[in-house]
Amino acid sequence: MTTVLVLNGPNLGRLGSREPDVYGSADLAALRTTLEAAAPSGTTIDLRQTDDEGELIGWLHGAVDAGTPVILNPAAFTHYSYGLRDAAALVTKAGLLLVEVHLSNPHAREEFRHTSVISAVATGVIAGFGFDSYRLALDLIVRRTTI
């Protein structure tokens, strides 16, 4: 059995009602359903969301300890959280996959969103495809962990 940790940062608990023109009208429960339907048999989706930077960092530490690959939407922490960046680096330095995802394309938005302190330590980045950003990340992790 493989577990994929899907971590979501601040304000993503408001999906479905927060700026639906940018983030869509579906909520986190719908994201969970989408990922569980896309996951192959034997793959468990552990989807979490927090507005707390320390909690998100703790979850990344737990991923390292458990040897769990991560899909990470750092949300607003993307642009300035060096603590989160260092925790993400621990994941990839442990030889685990960490895919940074974004629902929208940050480069098509305000200039402050163009910088990610996470991208340089992530295995890869997928952005701009809504829930499909997560599905593409899941597909990559499944393919890379079962080969």
Protein backbone atom coordinates (compact mmCIF):
# COMPACT_ATOMS: atom_id res chain seq x y z
CA MET A 1 0.00 0.00 0.00
CA THR A 2 1.31 3.44 -1.00
CA THR A 3 0.23 6.65 0.70
CA VAL A 4 0.47 10.03 -1.00
CA LEU A 5 0.33 13.03 1.30
CA VAL A 6 -1.58 15.95 -0.25
CA LEU A 7 -0.91 19.12 1.71
CA ASN A 8 -2.74 22.40 1.24
CA GLY A 9 -1.79 25.73 2.77
CA PRO A 10 -3.67 28.83 3.88
CA ASN A 11 -7.12 29.74 2.61
CA LEU A 12 -7.51 26.54 0.58
CA GLY A 13 -10.08 25.40 3.14
CA ARG A 14 -12.26 28.06 1.50
CA LEU A 15 -12.17 26.45 -1.94
CA GLY A 16 -15.56 26.58 -3.57
CA SER A 17 -16.41 29.97 -2.11
CA ARG A 18 -13.12 31.88 -2.35
CA GLU A 19 -12.65 33.60 -5.71
CA PRO A 20 -14.32 30.90 -7.81
CA ASP A 21 -13.28 32.76 -10.96
CA VAL A 22 -9.64 32.02 -10.01
CA TYR A 23 -9.85 28.78 -8.00
CA GLY A 24 -13.03 27.14 -9.30
CA SER A 25 -16.27 26.31 -7.53
CA ALA A 26 -15.35 22.87 -6.13
CA ASP A 27 -14.23 22.43 -2.52
CA LEU A 28 -11.60 20.27 -0.78
CA ALA A 29 -14.07 17.40 -0.39
CA ALA A 30 -14.42 17.37 -4.19
CA LEU A 31 -10.63 17.41 -4.54
CA ARG A 32 -10.40 14.40 -2.22
CA THR A 33 -13.03 12.56 -4.28
CA THR A 34 -11.21 13.44 -7.53
CA LEU A 35 -7.86 12.17 -6.25
CA GLU A 36 -9.28 9.01 -4.69
CA ALA A 37 -10.98 8.18 -8.00
CA ALA A 38 -7.71 8.77 -9.88
CA ALA A 39 -5.55 6.78 -7.46
CA PRO A 40 -4.77 3.20 -8.47
CA SER A 41 -5.79 0.34 -6.24
CA GLY A 42 -3.52 0.19 -3.20
CA THR A 43 -2.83 3.93 -3.15
CA THR A 44 -4.20 5.96 -0.25
CA ILE A 45 -4.73 9.71 -0.47
CA ASP A 46 -4.05 11.55 2.80
CA LEU A 47 -5.38 15.05 2.07
CA ARG A 48 -4.88 17.78 4.65
CA GLN A 49 -5.30 21.57 4.83
CA THR A 50 -4.08 24.11 7.34
CA ASP A 51 -3.76 27.85 7.67
CA ASP A 52 -0.88 27.29 10.12
CA GLU A 53 2.68 27.36 8.78
CA GLY A 54 4.08 25.38 11.70
CA GLU A 55 1.56 22.59 11.24
CA LEU A 56 2.39 22.35 7.54
CA ILE A 57 6.11 22.15 8.36
CA GLY A 58 5.38 19.40 10.91
CA TRP A 59 3.49 17.41 8.29
CA LEU A 60 6.50 17.63 5.95
CA HIS A 61 8.76 16.39 8.75
CA GLY A 62 6.34 13.49 9.23
CA ALA A 63 6.51 12.69 5.51
CA VAL A 64 10.30 12.42 5.76
CA ASP A 65 10.06 10.16 8.80
CA ALA A 66 7.44 7.92 7.15
CA GLY A 67 9.01 7.93 3.67
CA THR A 68 5.86 9.38 2.12
CA PRO A 69 5.78 11.29 -1.20
CA VAL A 70 4.10 14.70 -1.11
CA ILE A 71 1.89 16.84 -3.29
CA LEU A 72 2.16 20.35 -1.84
CA ASN A 73 0.07 23.41 -2.57
CA PRO A 74 1.78 25.93 -0.31
CA ALA A 75 -0.69 28.67 -1.30
CA ALA A 76 0.41 32.07 0.05
CA PHE A 77 3.40 30.47 1.83
CA THR A 78 4.81 29.84 -1.66
CA HIS A 79 6.15 33.34 -1.91
CA TYR A 80 7.93 33.92 1.38
CA SER A 81 8.09 30.96 3.78
CA TYR A 82 11.71 29.96 4.10
CA GLY A 83 10.78 27.66 6.99
CA LEU A 84 8.43 25.76 4.67
CA ARG A 85 11.09 25.78 1.95
CA ASP A 86 13.62 24.19 4.31
CA ALA A 87 11.09 21.51 5.36
CA ALA A 88 10.29 20.79 1.69
CA ALA A 89 14.02 20.44 1.01
CA LEU A 90 14.21 17.78 3.72
CA VAL A 91 11.64 15.75 1.77
CA THR A 92 13.55 15.79 -1.50
CA LYS A 93 16.95 15.36 0.20
CA ALA A 94 15.51 12.19 1.75
CA GLY A 95 15.01 10.92 -1.81
CA LEU A 96 11.23 11.40 -1.73
CA LEU A 97 9.13 13.06 -4.39
CA LEU A 98 7.63 16.46 -3.60
CA VAL A 99 5.52 18.05 -6.32
CA GLU A 100 4.53 21.69 -5.86
CA VAL A 101 1.07 22.35 -7.31
CA HIS A 102 -1.10 25.40 -7.85
CA LEU A 103 -4.69 25.60 -9.02
CA SER A 104 -4.07 28.83 -10.92
CA ASN A 105 -1.01 29.89 -12.88
CA PRO A 106 0.90 32.21 -10.53
CA HIS A 107 2.82 33.70 -13.46
CA ALA A 108 -0.41 34.94 -15.03
CA ARG A 109 -1.36 36.79 -11.84
CA GLU A 110 0.02 39.63 -9.72
CA GLU A 111 3.79 40.08 -9.84
CA PHE A 112 4.32 39.13 -6.17
CA ARG A 113 2.95 35.67 -7.02
CA HIS A 114 5.66 35.07 -9.64
CA THR A 115 8.25 34.09 -7.02
CA SER A 116 8.22 30.69 -5.34
CA VAL A 117 10.74 29.90 -2.62
CA ILE A 118 9.56 26.25 -2.81
CA SER A 119 10.11 25.51 -6.51
CA ALA A 120 13.90 25.24 -6.32
CA VAL A 121 13.71 22.39 -3.80
CA ALA A 122 10.65 20.61 -5.24
CA THR A 123 10.97 17.64 -7.55
CA GLY A 124 8.76 19.56 -9.99
CA VAL A 125 5.99 22.13 -10.30
CA ILE A 126 2.56 21.83 -11.93
CA ALA A 127 0.38 24.93 -12.07
CA GLY A 128 -2.62 26.41 -13.80
CA PHE A 129 -4.76 23.33 -14.37
CA GLY A 130 -7.15 23.47 -11.41
CA PHE A 131 -7.72 20.05 -9.84
CA ASP A 132 -5.88 18.52 -12.80
CA SER A 133 -2.66 20.00 -11.38
CA TYR A 134 -3.11 17.60 -8.45
CA ARG A 135 -4.11 14.68 -10.69
CA LEU A 136 -1.03 15.17 -12.86
CA ALA A 137 1.15 15.26 -9.74
CA LEU A 138 -0.48 12.09 -8.44
CA ASP A 139 0.08 10.36 -11.78
CA LEU A 140 3.75 11.30 -11.71
CA ILE A 141 4.22 10.09 -8.15
CA VAL A 142 2.45 6.80 -8.83
CA ARG A 143 4.54 6.18 -11.96
CA ARG A 144 7.82 7.10 -10.29
CA THR A 145 7.20 5.11 -7.10
CA THR A 146 6.05 1.91 -8.80
CA ILE A 147 8.83 1.64 -11.39
